[in-house]
Each structure stands twice: as C-alpha cells, then as structure tokens.
Amino acid sequence: MVSHRVEKDSSGQIALSIQTHVTVGQNPSKFACHFSATSIELCSRNSPPPQFPQCTCILSNGALPPDGLLVEVKIRLGKAHLSEQLEVTNCSGISGPLSSVLCQQCIKAGCGWSKSGCSWANEGEGNDSVCQKMDFGKNFSRPEISSITPSVVSFHGRNHATLSGRNLREVSGVRIQGDLDCTPQESPVWNNTGTSLTFHIPSTDIKGVVKVCVLLPDGSCHGNTKITYRSAPSCTDIKPSSTWISGKRKITLMGSHLEFVEGIVHSHAPQEVRLPTDSSNEVRL
C-alpha cells in the first residue's frame, strides 16, 4: 500500500519520498502526511507540500545514521488514516560483493541498483526484477536458523536483533507472521556473515507467539523459529526522585517488564542504563 524512495541530489540533500498505492473514486481531498523519528526533528521546512499520491520529507540534518533511521509515517486521505513504520537506510552504506542478496536489500531499502552496486534511488533501478535476473539458474543452499536474540520482546518490537544459523549468506530478509495476520511483515537484514545477521523485530498490536523464517531471493522462506511478544515496560516508581543540580546521581526505576528497556530519555537526552539481571524489575541509570 505504501512504498518509499531515498534520493540524494547534487547538493547532498537527502529526500525521503512516500508513494501511496490506493485507488480513489474521485479527486483526493484532505491528503496529508506526517513524518516523525525519535528525539529528532526529521523534516526540513523546505520540504514540498504533499501532492497525492506522493509526499516528500527533506531530511533536516542532511545525513542518515550508519545503522539507519526508524521513521513513522502517518498518512491521511479524507477520513481514512494509515500508519507505516519504515527503516530508512543510507544507500551508499549498502555495500559488499555484487549479488542478488545485496540487490534485494538495496531495492527494499528504497534505493536504486546499478552495475556498480547500490546507489540512491535517483541513480539506479528501483524494480526488483533486476535482482531476479541475477538469480537465473542459481541454486541456493538451504538456510537454517539456530537462534534469535532476543526471542522475547515487548509488542513495540526490538532494534538490532541477531539471528544465528547456517547458510545465511544468501538471506535477503526475515519474515514474521502471527496466526491471525493476513499479511506477514518482512524486515531487511544487514551485517550478514553467513552464520549470523542483524535485523529489526517489528512492532505488533497484540501479544503472543509469531513464526519466523528467512527469505531467499527466489521468494522461498526457510526455518520455523518463534518470537514471543509480551507487554510493554511500565514504570511504577523512581528512587530517589530528587537530585542535586549537578546531576550524576544514581537513579533506580521500578516497574514491570523492564527487561525490554533499551534506553531512557531524560530531558530529551538518551541515558545509558543497566538492565535487570534477575526478577527484581529494576533499571538503574
């Protein structure tokens, strides 16, 4: 329903463009988009206004983190509302031996593929048919999954999860599907060594167990590992609740499901935390 492209112009300005794939019976009205990312102002004021079926965000800082940026896009078309989570990647950072796996990763990231490898969407081919041509007549080793770390997460998902196993070199993505899901979610992979890879575990609306398999460029999916979604962390108390002006006081947060905490933001600044190692449900910072 939604696709995206990441482009870079000659001045170094990076633009994230969203294309909606919906059919409307008349001229679209009240079409709007809102881009957001945690703790940063994402879009420049110079970003063009939305024009159905596309809206564009010109990144305000002109750069992307090396490991990508998680962006939430909220779209409104008349009375209909749609929300999408996108992993926006620096296209020039998708590198490695030229292969169909790298090509698939490039296209899924909203970038463009050329003879020299992955580039920005305005500099290469954005249709994954170019990757399929690279796979003609190629046999893939069957991948096996041995573990996923972590395998228990909150329903908000988890960044930088690690999947380990065998014959993972050709894996182009991770597919996640619950029993009640009509459409599976797919996450791109990076840092693929052949025996381990990194991916993002997406968020979900319900708690429970989902099935996980790894995708090959030919569309087949292998493995049958599980991820368990549980409740989100909840804070019930903080001790001590006061400190001196200079700061640097050790603080303990208490609550439930704090083992899922990845970090804490205090006065808009991320803080390092020490996660609980037992069932005490305490986080220290």
C-alpha atoms as a PDB file:
ATOM      1  CA  MET A   1       0.000   0.000   0.000  1.00  0.00           C
ATOM      2  CA  VAL A   2       2.982   2.290   0.634  1.00  0.00           C
ATOM      3  CA  SER A   3       6.433   2.334  -0.974  1.00  0.00           C
ATOM      4  CA  HIS A   4       9.351   4.672  -0.410  1.00  0.00           C
ATOM      5  CA  ARG A   5      12.429   6.038  -2.190  1.00  0.00           C
ATOM      6  CA  VAL A   6      15.559   7.618  -0.731  1.00  0.00           C
ATOM      7  CA  GLU A   7      17.190  10.155  -3.054  1.00  0.00           C
ATOM      8  CA  LYS A   8      20.196  12.446  -2.857  1.00  0.00           C
ATOM      9  CA  ASP A   9      20.737  15.471  -5.090  1.00  0.00           C
ATOM     10  CA  SER A  10      23.950  17.120  -6.253  1.00  0.00           C
ATOM     11  CA  SER A  11      24.000  19.437  -3.219  1.00  0.00           C
ATOM     12  CA  GLY A  12      23.990  16.470  -0.819  1.00  0.00           C
ATOM     13  CA  GLN A  13      20.379  16.971   0.239  1.00  0.00           C
ATOM     14  CA  ILE A  14      18.613  13.681   1.120  1.00  0.00           C
ATOM     15  CA  ALA A  15      14.893  13.276   0.456  1.00  0.00           C
ATOM     16  CA  LEU A  16      12.533  10.517   1.609  1.00  0.00           C
ATOM     17  CA  SER A  17       9.572  10.161  -0.768  1.00  0.00           C
ATOM     18  CA  ILE A  18       6.455   8.149   0.094  1.00  0.00           C
ATOM     19  CA  GLN A  19       4.177   6.794  -2.635  1.00  0.00           C
ATOM     20  CA  THR A  20       0.683   5.585  -1.694  1.00  0.00           C
ATOM     21  CA  HIS A  21      -0.816   2.813  -3.810  1.00  0.00           C
ATOM     22  CA  VAL A  22      -4.537   3.310  -3.273  1.00  0.00           C
ATOM     23  CA  THR A  23      -7.437   3.875  -5.653  1.00  0.00           C
ATOM     24  CA  VAL A  24      -9.803   6.778  -5.093  1.00  0.00           C
ATOM     25  CA  GLY A  25     -13.130   7.223  -6.822  1.00  0.00           C
ATOM     26  CA  GLN A  26     -12.801  10.984  -7.177  1.00  0.00           C
ATOM     27  CA  ASN A  27     -10.273  13.758  -6.768  1.00  0.00           C
ATOM     28  CA  PRO A  28      -8.466  13.117  -3.480  1.00  0.00           C
ATOM     29  CA  SER A  29      -9.150  15.620  -0.749  1.00  0.00           C
ATOM     30  CA  LYS A  30      -7.509  16.277   2.591  1.00  0.00           C
ATOM     31  CA  PHE A  31      -4.391  14.312   1.671  1.00  0.00           C
ATOM     32  CA  ALA A  32      -1.659  14.820   4.262  1.00  0.00           C
ATOM     33  CA  CYS A  33       1.472  13.106   5.557  1.00  0.00           C
ATOM     34  CA  HIS A  34       3.407  13.412   8.800  1.00  0.00           C
ATOM     35  CA  PHE A  35       6.951  12.072   9.214  1.00  0.00           C
ATOM     36  CA  SER A  36       8.471  11.502  12.659  1.00  0.00           C
ATOM     37  CA  ALA A  37      11.534   9.892  14.242  1.00  0.00           C
ATOM     38  CA  THR A  38      12.511   9.523  17.893  1.00  0.00           C
ATOM     39  CA  SER A  39      14.181  12.527  19.540  1.00  0.00           C
ATOM     40  CA  ILE A  40      14.975  14.433  16.323  1.00  0.00           C
ATOM     41  CA  GLU A  41      13.304  16.959  14.058  1.00  0.00           C
ATOM     42  CA  LEU A  42      13.168  14.907  10.874  1.00  0.00           C
ATOM     43  CA  CYS A  43      11.908  17.087   8.023  1.00  0.00           C
ATOM     44  CA  SER A  44      13.228  20.421   6.838  1.00  0.00           C
ATOM     45  CA  ARG A  45      10.823  23.325   6.471  1.00  0.00           C
ATOM     46  CA  ASN A  46      11.828  23.364   2.800  1.00  0.00           C
ATOM     47  CA  SER A  47      10.045  20.046   2.245  1.00  0.00           C
ATOM     48  CA  PRO A  48       7.420  20.339  -0.527  1.00  0.00           C
ATOM     49  CA  PRO A  49       3.721  20.085   0.374  1.00  0.00           C
ATOM     50  CA  PRO A  50       2.064  16.676  -0.133  1.00  0.00           C
ATOM     51  CA  GLN A  51       0.550  16.037  -3.543  1.00  0.00           C
ATOM     52  CA  PHE A  52      -1.477  12.855  -3.944  1.00  0.00           C
ATOM     53  CA  PRO A  53      -0.299  10.124  -4.195  1.00  0.00           C
ATOM     54  CA  GLN A  54       3.151  11.282  -3.005  1.00  0.00           C
ATOM     55  CA  CYS A  55       4.660  13.200  -0.135  1.00  0.00           C
ATOM     56  CA  THR A  56       8.311  14.072   0.443  1.00  0.00           C
ATOM     57  CA  CYS A  57      10.416  14.781   3.526  1.00  0.00           C
ATOM     58  CA  ILE A  58      13.748  16.546   3.014  1.00  0.00           C
ATOM     59  CA  LEU A  59      15.933  15.471   5.944  1.00  0.00           C
ATOM     60  CA  SER A  60      16.762  18.460   8.106  1.00  0.00           C
ATOM     61  CA  ASN A  61      20.266  17.345   9.120  1.00  0.00           C
ATOM     62  CA  GLY A  62      21.193  16.144   5.624  1.00  0.00           C
ATOM     63  CA  ALA A  63      22.546  12.797   6.841  1.00  0.00           C
ATOM     64  CA  LEU A  64      21.471   9.332   7.951  1.00  0.00           C
ATOM     65  CA  PRO A  65      22.961   7.319  10.846  1.00  0.00           C
ATOM     66  CA  PRO A  66      25.185   4.398   9.710  1.00  0.00           C
ATOM     67  CA  ASP A  67      22.685   1.825  11.011  1.00  0.00           C
ATOM     68  CA  GLY A  68      19.654   3.590   9.547  1.00  0.00           C
ATOM     69  CA  LEU A  69      16.748   5.539  10.967  1.00  0.00           C
ATOM     70  CA  LEU A  70      13.330   4.262  12.063  1.00  0.00           C
ATOM     71  CA  VAL A  71      10.676   6.604  10.658  1.00  0.00           C
ATOM     72  CA  GLU A  72       6.942   6.581  11.323  1.00  0.00           C
ATOM     73  CA  VAL A  73       4.759   7.942   8.529  1.00  0.00           C
ATOM     74  CA  LYS A  74       1.140   8.862   9.226  1.00  0.00           C
ATOM     75  CA  ILE A  75      -0.998   9.373   6.123  1.00  0.00           C
ATOM     76  CA  ARG A  76      -4.473  10.879   5.906  1.00  0.00           C
ATOM     77  CA  LEU A  77      -6.709  10.659   2.842  1.00  0.00           C
ATOM     78  CA  GLY A  78     -10.139  12.083   3.530  1.00  0.00           C
ATOM     79  CA  LYS A  79     -11.478  10.175   6.546  1.00  0.00           C
ATOM     80  CA  ALA A  80      -9.030   7.289   6.124  1.00  0.00           C
ATOM     81  CA  HIS A  81      -5.848   7.100   8.224  1.00  0.00           C
ATOM     82  CA  LEU A  82      -2.788   4.920   7.658  1.00  0.00           C
ATOM     83  CA  SER A  83       0.400   4.489   9.697  1.00  0.00           C
ATOM     84  CA  GLU A  84       3.615   2.872   8.425  1.00  0.00           C
ATOM     85  CA  GLN A  85       6.993   2.161  10.065  1.00  0.00           C
ATOM     86  CA  LEU A  86       9.944   2.483   7.674  1.00  0.00           C
ATOM     87  CA  GLU A  87      13.613   1.621   8.155  1.00  0.00           C
ATOM     88  CA  VAL A  88      15.374   4.372   6.185  1.00  0.00           C
ATOM     89  CA  THR A  89      18.922   3.405   5.227  1.00  0.00           C
ATOM     90  CA  ASN A  90      21.913   5.294   3.863  1.00  0.00           C
ATOM     91  CA  CYS A  91      22.003   3.866   0.326  1.00  0.00           C
ATOM     92  CA  SER A  92      25.733   4.439  -0.079  1.00  0.00           C
ATOM     93  CA  GLY A  93      26.320   2.290   3.021  1.00  0.00           C
ATOM     94  CA  ILE A  94      24.750  -0.827   1.461  1.00  0.00           C
ATOM     95  CA  SER A  95      27.891  -2.424   0.081  1.00  0.00           C
ATOM     96  CA  GLY A  96      29.535  -5.792  -0.434  1.00  0.00           C
ATOM     97  CA  PRO A  97      30.134  -8.339  -3.190  1.00  0.00           C
ATOM     98  CA  LEU A  98      27.662  -7.824  -6.031  1.00  0.00           C
ATOM     99  CA  SER A  99      24.937 -10.433  -5.590  1.00  0.00           C
ATOM    100  CA  SER A 100      21.190 -10.872  -5.797  1.00  0.00           C
ATOM    101  CA  VAL A 101      21.021 -10.688  -1.988  1.00  0.00           C
ATOM    102  CA  LEU A 102      22.676  -7.275  -1.927  1.00  0.00           C
ATOM    103  CA  CYS A 103      20.445  -6.167  -4.805  1.00  0.00           C
ATOM    104  CA  GLN A 104      17.281  -7.218  -2.941  1.00  0.00           C
ATOM    105  CA  GLN A 105      18.455  -5.451   0.203  1.00  0.00           C
ATOM    106  CA  CYS A 106      19.134  -2.323  -1.845  1.00  0.00           C
ATOM    107  CA  ILE A 107      15.719  -2.263  -3.538  1.00  0.00           C
ATOM    108  CA  LYS A 108      13.803  -2.988  -0.296  1.00  0.00           C
ATOM    109  CA  ALA A 109      15.609  -0.067   1.337  1.00  0.00           C
ATOM    110  CA  GLY A 110      14.123   2.297  -1.262  1.00  0.00           C
ATOM    111  CA  CYS A 111      17.458   2.720  -3.039  1.00  0.00           C
ATOM    112  CA  GLY A 112      18.500   2.083  -6.663  1.00  0.00           C
ATOM    113  CA  TRP A 113      20.602  -0.712  -8.180  1.00  0.00           C
ATOM    114  CA  SER A 114      23.212  -0.110 -10.860  1.00  0.00           C
ATOM    115  CA  LYS A 115      26.067  -2.076 -12.415  1.00  0.00           C
ATOM    116  CA  SER A 116      28.416  -0.778  -9.724  1.00  0.00           C
ATOM    117  CA  GLY A 117      26.116  -1.764  -6.832  1.00  0.00           C
ATOM    118  CA  CYS A 118      23.655   0.048  -4.588  1.00  0.00           C
ATOM    119  CA  SER A 119      23.139   3.778  -5.017  1.00  0.00           C
ATOM    120  CA  TRP A 120      20.484   6.400  -4.308  1.00  0.00           C
ATOM    121  CA  ALA A 121      17.057   5.820  -5.863  1.00  0.00           C
ATOM    122  CA  ASN A 122      17.559   8.579  -8.428  1.00  0.00           C
ATOM    123  CA  GLU A 123      20.827   6.971  -9.591  1.00  0.00           C
ATOM    124  CA  GLY A 124      19.741   3.364 -10.213  1.00  0.00           C
ATOM    125  CA  GLU A 125      16.969   0.873 -10.992  1.00  0.00           C
ATOM    126  CA  GLY A 126      14.242   0.593  -8.358  1.00  0.00           C
ATOM    127  CA  ASN A 127      12.416  -2.502  -9.642  1.00  0.00           C
ATOM    128  CA  ASP A 128      13.370  -5.828  -8.043  1.00  0.00           C
ATOM    129  CA  SER A 129      13.107  -7.561 -11.424  1.00  0.00           C
ATOM    130  CA  VAL A 130      16.734  -6.530 -11.951  1.00  0.00           C
ATOM    131  CA  CYS A 131      17.643  -8.758  -8.964  1.00  0.00           C
ATOM    132  CA  GLN A 132      15.692 -11.738 -10.279  1.00  0.00           C
ATOM    133  CA  LYS A 133      17.725 -11.696 -13.467  1.00  0.00           C
ATOM    134  CA  MET A 134      20.859 -12.157 -11.368  1.00  0.00           C
ATOM    135  CA  ASP A 135      19.387 -15.357  -9.856  1.00  0.00           C
ATOM    136  CA  PHE A 136      18.547 -17.125 -13.107  1.00  0.00           C
ATOM    137  CA  GLY A 137      19.809 -20.702 -12.955  1.00  0.00           C
ATOM    138  CA  LYS A 138      21.334 -20.252  -9.491  1.00  0.00           C
ATOM    139  CA  ASN A 139      20.969 -22.859  -6.742  1.00  0.00           C
ATOM    140  CA  PHE A 140      20.815 -21.695  -3.125  1.00  0.00           C
ATOM    141  CA  SER A 141      21.964 -23.597  -0.051  1.00  0.00           C
ATOM    142  CA  ARG A 142      19.054 -24.165   2.313  1.00  0.00           C
ATOM    143  CA  PRO A 143      19.447 -21.785   5.301  1.00  0.00           C
ATOM    144  CA  GLU A 144      18.919 -22.987   8.866  1.00  0.00           C
ATOM    145  CA  ILE A 145      18.025 -20.908  11.939  1.00  0.00           C
ATOM    146  CA  SER A 146      19.531 -21.926  15.273  1.00  0.00           C
ATOM    147  CA  SER A 147      18.588 -18.937  17.467  1.00  0.00           C
ATOM    148  CA  ILE A 148      17.260 -15.376  17.625  1.00  0.00           C
ATOM    149  CA  THR A 149      18.493 -12.975  20.304  1.00  0.00           C
ATOM    150  CA  PRO A 150      16.362 -11.669  21.888  1.00  0.00           C
ATOM    151  CA  SER A 151      13.477 -14.045  21.203  1.00  0.00           C
ATOM    152  CA  VAL A 152      11.145 -12.481  23.793  1.00  0.00           C
ATOM    153  CA  VAL A 153      10.300  -8.786  23.262  1.00  0.00           C
ATOM    154  CA  SER A 154       7.604  -6.248  24.078  1.00  0.00           C
ATOM    155  CA  PHE A 155       4.929  -5.595  21.466  1.00  0.00           C
ATOM    156  CA  HIS A 156       6.922  -2.493  20.458  1.00  0.00           C
ATOM    157  CA  GLY A 157       9.472  -4.843  18.838  1.00  0.00           C
ATOM    158  CA  ARG A 158      13.245  -4.595  19.142  1.00  0.00           C
ATOM    159  CA  ASN A 159      16.052  -2.936  17.206  1.00  0.00           C
ATOM    160  CA  HIS A 160      19.240  -4.778  16.249  1.00  0.00           C
ATOM    161  CA  ALA A 161      18.136  -8.348  16.943  1.00  0.00           C
ATOM    162  CA  THR A 162      20.622 -11.099  15.997  1.00  0.00           C
ATOM    163  CA  LEU A 163      19.685 -14.236  14.069  1.00  0.00           C
ATOM    164  CA  SER A 164      22.223 -17.084  14.033  1.00  0.00           C
ATOM    165  CA  GLY A 165      22.373 -20.256  11.973  1.00  0.00           C
ATOM    166  CA  ARG A 166      23.907 -21.868   8.876  1.00  0.00           C
ATOM    167  CA  ASN A 167      23.916 -20.998   5.163  1.00  0.00           C
ATOM    168  CA  LEU A 168      22.630 -17.479   5.817  1.00  0.00           C
ATOM    169  CA  ARG A 169      24.812 -15.761   3.206  1.00  0.00           C
ATOM    170  CA  GLU A 170      22.059 -15.531   0.556  1.00  0.00           C
ATOM    171  CA  VAL A 171      19.306 -14.484   3.000  1.00  0.00           C
ATOM    172  CA  SER A 172      17.661 -11.256   1.834  1.00  0.00           C
ATOM    173  CA  GLY A 173      15.139 -10.715   4.640  1.00  0.00           C
ATOM    174  CA  VAL A 174      13.350 -12.059   7.707  1.00  0.00           C
ATOM    175  CA  ARG A 175       9.621 -12.845   7.518  1.00  0.00           C
ATOM    176  CA  ILE A 176       7.485 -12.629  10.665  1.00  0.00           C
ATOM    177  CA  GLN A 177       3.870 -13.810  10.773  1.00  0.00           C
ATOM    178  CA  GLY A 178       1.332 -14.380  13.526  1.00  0.00           C
ATOM    179  CA  ASP A 179      -1.509 -16.882  13.344  1.00  0.00           C
ATOM    180  CA  LEU A 180      -4.088 -14.124  12.826  1.00  0.00           C
ATOM    181  CA  ASP A 181      -2.026 -11.979  10.437  1.00  0.00           C
ATOM    182  CA  CYS A 182      -3.303 -11.852   6.857  1.00  0.00           C
ATOM    183  CA  THR A 183      -0.061 -10.328   5.600  1.00  0.00           C
ATOM    184  CA  PRO A 184       3.374 -11.194   7.048  1.00  0.00           C
ATOM    185  CA  GLN A 185       5.865  -8.492   7.981  1.00  0.00           C
ATOM    186  CA  GLU A 186       9.314  -8.552   6.391  1.00  0.00           C
ATOM    187  CA  SER A 187      12.472  -6.954   7.784  1.00  0.00           C
ATOM    188  CA  PRO A 188      15.657  -6.264   5.790  1.00  0.00           C
ATOM    189  CA  VAL A 189      18.945  -7.680   7.067  1.00  0.00           C
ATOM    190  CA  TRP A 190      22.490  -6.352   7.377  1.00  0.00           C
ATOM    191  CA  ASN A 191      25.833  -7.400   8.903  1.00  0.00           C
ATOM    192  CA  ASN A 192      25.282 -10.798   7.276  1.00  0.00           C
ATOM    193  CA  THR A 193      28.332 -13.022   7.911  1.00  0.00           C
ATOM    194  CA  GLY A 194      26.787 -16.249   6.665  1.00  0.00           C
ATOM    195  CA  THR A 195      26.346 -17.569  10.217  1.00  0.00           C
ATOM    196  CA  SER A 196      24.664 -14.529  11.789  1.00  0.00           C
ATOM    197  CA  LEU A 197      22.817 -11.408  10.679  1.00  0.00           C
ATOM    198  CA  THR A 198      21.117  -8.356  12.172  1.00  0.00           C
ATOM    199  CA  PHE A 199      17.506  -7.270  11.680  1.00  0.00           C
ATOM    200  CA  HIS A 200      14.760  -5.264  13.371  1.00  0.00           C
ATOM    201  CA  ILE A 201      11.882  -7.103  15.062  1.00  0.00           C
ATOM    202  CA  PRO A 202       8.797  -5.060  14.047  1.00  0.00           C
ATOM    203  CA  SER A 203       6.093  -3.884  16.416  1.00  0.00           C
ATOM    204  CA  THR A 204       2.702  -5.584  16.693  1.00  0.00           C
ATOM    205  CA  ASP A 205      -0.743  -4.784  18.067  1.00  0.00           C
ATOM    206  CA  ILE A 206      -1.214  -7.977  20.073  1.00  0.00           C
ATOM    207  CA  LYS A 207       0.764 -10.192  22.429  1.00  0.00           C
ATOM    208  CA  GLY A 208       1.568 -13.786  21.541  1.00  0.00           C
ATOM    209  CA  VAL A 209       3.890 -16.059  19.583  1.00  0.00           C
ATOM    210  CA  VAL A 210       4.789 -15.473  15.915  1.00  0.00           C
ATOM    211  CA  LYS A 211       6.639 -17.641  13.415  1.00  0.00           C
ATOM    212  CA  VAL A 212       9.922 -16.550  11.854  1.00  0.00           C
ATOM    213  CA  CYS A 213      11.597 -17.723   8.649  1.00  0.00           C
ATOM    214  CA  VAL A 214      14.389 -16.326   6.461  1.00  0.00           C
ATOM    215  CA  LEU A 215      13.837 -15.286   2.847  1.00  0.00           C
ATOM    216  CA  LEU A 216      15.941 -16.184  -0.170  1.00  0.00           C
ATOM    217  CA  PRO A 217      15.990 -14.060  -3.347  1.00  0.00           C
ATOM    218  CA  ASP A 218      13.852 -16.666  -5.155  1.00  0.00           C
ATOM    219  CA  GLY A 219      10.999 -15.918  -2.725  1.00  0.00           C
ATOM    220  CA  SER A 220      11.261 -19.126  -0.688  1.00  0.00           C
ATOM    221  CA  CYS A 221      11.258 -18.903   3.118  1.00  0.00           C
ATOM    222  CA  HIS A 222      13.097 -21.354   5.377  1.00  0.00           C
ATOM    223  CA  GLY A 223      13.169 -22.116   9.090  1.00  0.00           C
ATOM    224  CA  ASN A 224      10.448 -22.198  11.713  1.00  0.00           C
ATOM    225  CA  THR A 225      11.701 -20.277  14.733  1.00  0.00           C
ATOM    226  CA  LYS A 226       9.434 -18.317  17.075  1.00  0.00           C
ATOM    227  CA  ILE A 227       9.426 -14.878  18.695  1.00  0.00           C
ATOM    228  CA  THR A 228       7.231 -14.103  21.707  1.00  0.00           C
ATOM    229  CA  TYR A 229       5.627 -10.664  22.112  1.00  0.00           C
ATOM    230  CA  ARG A 230       4.768  -9.566  25.658  1.00  0.00           C
ATOM    231  CA  SER A 231       3.506  -6.423  27.389  1.00  0.00           C
ATOM    232  CA  ALA A 232       5.409  -3.156  27.139  1.00  0.00           C
ATOM    233  CA  PRO A 233       7.587  -1.946  30.041  1.00  0.00           C
ATOM    234  CA  SER A 234       5.788   0.019  32.740  1.00  0.00           C
ATOM    235  CA  CYS A 235       7.344   2.337  35.342  1.00  0.00           C
ATOM    236  CA  THR A 236       5.731   2.452  38.796  1.00  0.00           C
ATOM    237  CA  ASP A 237       8.316   4.253  40.931  1.00  0.00           C
ATOM    238  CA  ILE A 238      11.648   6.082  40.822  1.00  0.00           C
ATOM    239  CA  LYS A 239      14.144   6.307  43.710  1.00  0.00           C
ATOM    240  CA  PRO A 240      15.448   8.741  44.636  1.00  0.00           C
ATOM    241  CA  SER A 241      13.043  11.186  42.988  1.00  0.00           C
ATOM    242  CA  SER A 242      15.239  14.232  43.620  1.00  0.00           C
ATOM    243  CA  THR A 243      18.874  15.058  42.983  1.00  0.00           C
ATOM    244  CA  TRP A 244      21.378  17.899  43.147  1.00  0.00           C
ATOM    245  CA  ILE A 245      21.734  20.484  40.388  1.00  0.00           C
ATOM    246  CA  SER A 246      24.978  18.994  39.089  1.00  0.00           C
ATOM    247  CA  GLY A 247      23.210  15.689  38.403  1.00  0.00           C
ATOM    248  CA  LYS A 248      25.140  12.379  38.106  1.00  0.00           C
ATOM    249  CA  ARG A 249      23.122  10.756  40.874  1.00  0.00           C
ATOM    250  CA  LYS A 250      22.385   7.040  40.525  1.00  0.00           C
ATOM    251  CA  ILE A 251      18.659   6.554  39.952  1.00  0.00           C
ATOM    252  CA  THR A 252      16.625   3.345  40.140  1.00  0.00           C
ATOM    253  CA  LEU A 253      13.378   2.859  38.192  1.00  0.00           C
ATOM    254  CA  MET A 254      10.935   0.180  39.311  1.00  0.00           C
ATOM    255  CA  GLY A 255       8.126  -1.407  37.355  1.00  0.00           C
ATOM    256  CA  SER A 256       7.219  -4.389  35.224  1.00  0.00           C
ATOM    257  CA  HIS A 257       8.758  -5.905  32.074  1.00  0.00           C
ATOM    258  CA  LEU A 258      11.814  -3.643  32.420  1.00  0.00           C
ATOM    259  CA  GLU A 259      13.993  -6.338  30.834  1.00  0.00           C
ATOM    260  CA  PHE A 260      12.727  -4.982  27.489  1.00  0.00           C
ATOM    261  CA  VAL A 261      14.092  -1.464  28.123  1.00  0.00           C
ATOM    262  CA  GLU A 262      16.759  -0.432  25.580  1.00  0.00           C
ATOM    263  CA  GLY A 263      17.356   3.081  26.856  1.00  0.00           C
ATOM    264  CA  ILE A 264      15.908   6.005  28.800  1.00  0.00           C
ATOM    265  CA  VAL A 265      15.431   9.583  27.591  1.00  0.00           C
ATOM    266  CA  HIS A 266      15.875  12.274  30.253  1.00  0.00           C
ATOM    267  CA  SER A 267      15.388  15.923  29.265  1.00  0.00           C
ATOM    268  CA  HIS A 268      15.475  14.813  25.605  1.00  0.00           C
ATOM    269  CA  ALA A 269      18.909  13.222  26.048  1.00  0.00           C
ATOM    270  CA  PRO A 270      19.441   9.443  25.868  1.00  0.00           C
ATOM    271  CA  GLN A 271      20.905   7.861  29.013  1.00  0.00           C
ATOM    272  CA  GLU A 272      22.862   4.660  29.492  1.00  0.00           C
ATOM    273  CA  VAL A 273      21.036   2.092  31.606  1.00  0.00           C
ATOM    274  CA  ARG A 274      21.974  -1.064  33.493  1.00  0.00           C
ATOM    275  CA  LEU A 275      19.329  -3.692  32.814  1.00  0.00           C
ATOM    276  CA  PRO A 276      17.992  -6.063  35.486  1.00  0.00           C
ATOM    277  CA  THR A 277      19.812  -9.389  35.682  1.00  0.00           C
ATOM    278  CA  ASP A 278      17.134 -11.074  37.806  1.00  0.00           C
ATOM    279  CA  SER A 279      13.427 -10.749  38.530  1.00  0.00           C
ATOM    280  CA  SER A 280      13.801  -7.580  40.597  1.00  0.00           C
ATOM    281  CA  ASN A 281      12.205  -5.467  37.835  1.00  0.00           C
ATOM    282  CA  GLU A 282      14.571  -2.562  38.433  1.00  0.00           C
ATOM    283  CA  VAL A 283      16.568  -0.453  35.980  1.00  0.00           C
ATOM    284  CA  ARG A 284      19.473   1.714  37.112  1.00  0.00           C
ATOM    285  CA  LEU A 285      20.889   4.791  35.374  1.00  0.00           C
END
